[in-house]
Amino acid sequence: MPALSTTVVAPTGGWNTRDPLELMPESDAIDLVNIFPETTHVRVRKGFTTEQGTNGNSVPQSLMEFIGSDGTRRLLSAQGGGLTYASGGVVTQAKAAGTFTSNKWQHINFNNRLIFVNGVDQPQQFDGTTVSDATYTGISDDNSLVHVSAYKKRLYFIPSGSQSVWYGAVDEITGALTEENVSGNLRLGGALMYGGAVSADTGSGLADLFVLVSEAGELLVYQGSYPGDAGWSLAARFYIAPPVGRRAFTNYESDLLILTTEGVVSVARLLQQGQQAVKLTDKIQQAFADAYQSYSSNFGWQIQWFPLGHMLLINIPTADGVSSLQYVMNTLTGAWCKFEGINTSVLGLYQNNLVFAGVDGTIYRAESGYSDNGQDISWEIKSAFNYFSNRASIKHFKQLKPHLITDTNFTFRLGLDVDFKDNAITTTASAAGTGGEDWDDADWDSDSWDAGSSSPAKWWGVGNVGKCAAWKMSGDVNSYSFSLASIGVIYEPGGLF
């Protein structure tokens, strides 16, 4: 029987640890390491570059961006009991090392101030230049305030180990707080971990709601202007898995996402679909469960939305203060992948860019440049197993042809597994960049030009025999990037086996 040639799309469906190998869609991947699934292709992730340099000998455990009404932006970092920020390349010590007991702050921008609390030290405020005490009355010990948020022009605080939320007056940065004790509504008990705003579709438009989440995973949804108002009432209650620490929450568009011990929960989905709502991590549920079981006791678990990169990141600390990895979702498609080599204690945003504190004490900008601060980026892809529309017959797989987009020459490893095996890659392949001319430099009738660059597709021998096959690629990049659009496969169909 003559050989057949077909083309398989790149795994834009992303990493899949949920479906059995026998039934996994061909657009998905068994492994997708440092390869980000875009809408029409997959690409190697970008690297990271130094953002602020080292902050002494200690590792920052909080990154907080101040955004002023005049456009001023500062990235405040907390390490060694002190606070620093950089401006114009100059690092300013906003508070001396040893000033504070804890470096684990929660923060919010409110009324042209950055307000931040940690549950053991005096709350602080930052105006872009000076850090000073933020003092609150009405509560016996404002040092105990460990969470801060805003709802309908008021600040809301939660003390450590408490079932009460405390709120301020309209537009007030400091001053008197009023208590709202919700212990009577907490059926599972436990202290409150989070309080903040979420928007929900009421049928006549979006309405702001106030959400409280307990350490036991009980979620209370309130409606109304504020707790002292006559219209304040409990609108809904949900039971979810316990949140993974204080940094298990991120605002996403009008939604609130919660990183729980079972994966990422969308509050908007809960409000629309009830307890049957599917978690955002559904497709990587097994990988997430394994990671949480192995590393749950380490500090650094965090969920972070990065709008500019259309990414949602889960930071997973694999060794306390030493290493971490990230599970990353494309927010446009819901496809997942895994990032390795970005070892961080905390993620954050600064000037719309993704930043992180490295375990070496340096603050870096992620998705920047094409190396990890000069080091190689190692990547790996293994596709889903594909029967090529015939589950009954055996096939002799002969050659693969990756359709790469690149502007440089580089080598990589290429292989093919059959019948759910996982063998070492033995073939070394190469790509040759053939970039076009820039729009404003090219001669219209003589030069070639395109939106990107391309590599002439070439067939590589990867002979193997089986009913189904999964292609795989791996390599290391430094100072260049590439994308993969699809891969060609030549195989010869045989008889029943």
Foldseek 3Di string as FASTA:
>chain_A
DDWDKDWQFDLLLADFPFDDLVDDDQSYFVAWEQWDRDDQFIWRFAAWAFDQFFDPFWFWQDWDWQAAPVGQIWIWTFTQCWIWTDDPNDIDTQGDRPVHDDRHWEWDHALQWIWIAQQADFIWIDNNRHIDGAEEPPDPDNNQWHYWEDDQQKIWTFGPWAQWIWIDDGRDRHYYIDIDHCQVVDPPDAGWQDKYWAWEDPVVGIDIWIWIAGQQQKIWIWDDNDPVDPRIDTDDIAGDAGALHNQQWDDDDRWIWGQHLQAIDIVRQCVVPNPVRDHLCNRVRVVSNVLCVQQSVAAQFHWDQQVVQQKIWTWRQNDHLPAIKIWIARNVNSHIHIYGDQGARYWDATPSFIWGTHSSRTIMTTSDFHDHNQHKGKIKTKGRKDLPPDQFWKKKWWKKWWWKFWAAKDKKFKEKDADPDDDDTDDIDMWHKDAFDDPVPDDPPPTDHDPGITTPIDIDTHTDMYSIMIMMMIDIDGRIMMITSIMMIMMGIDGGD
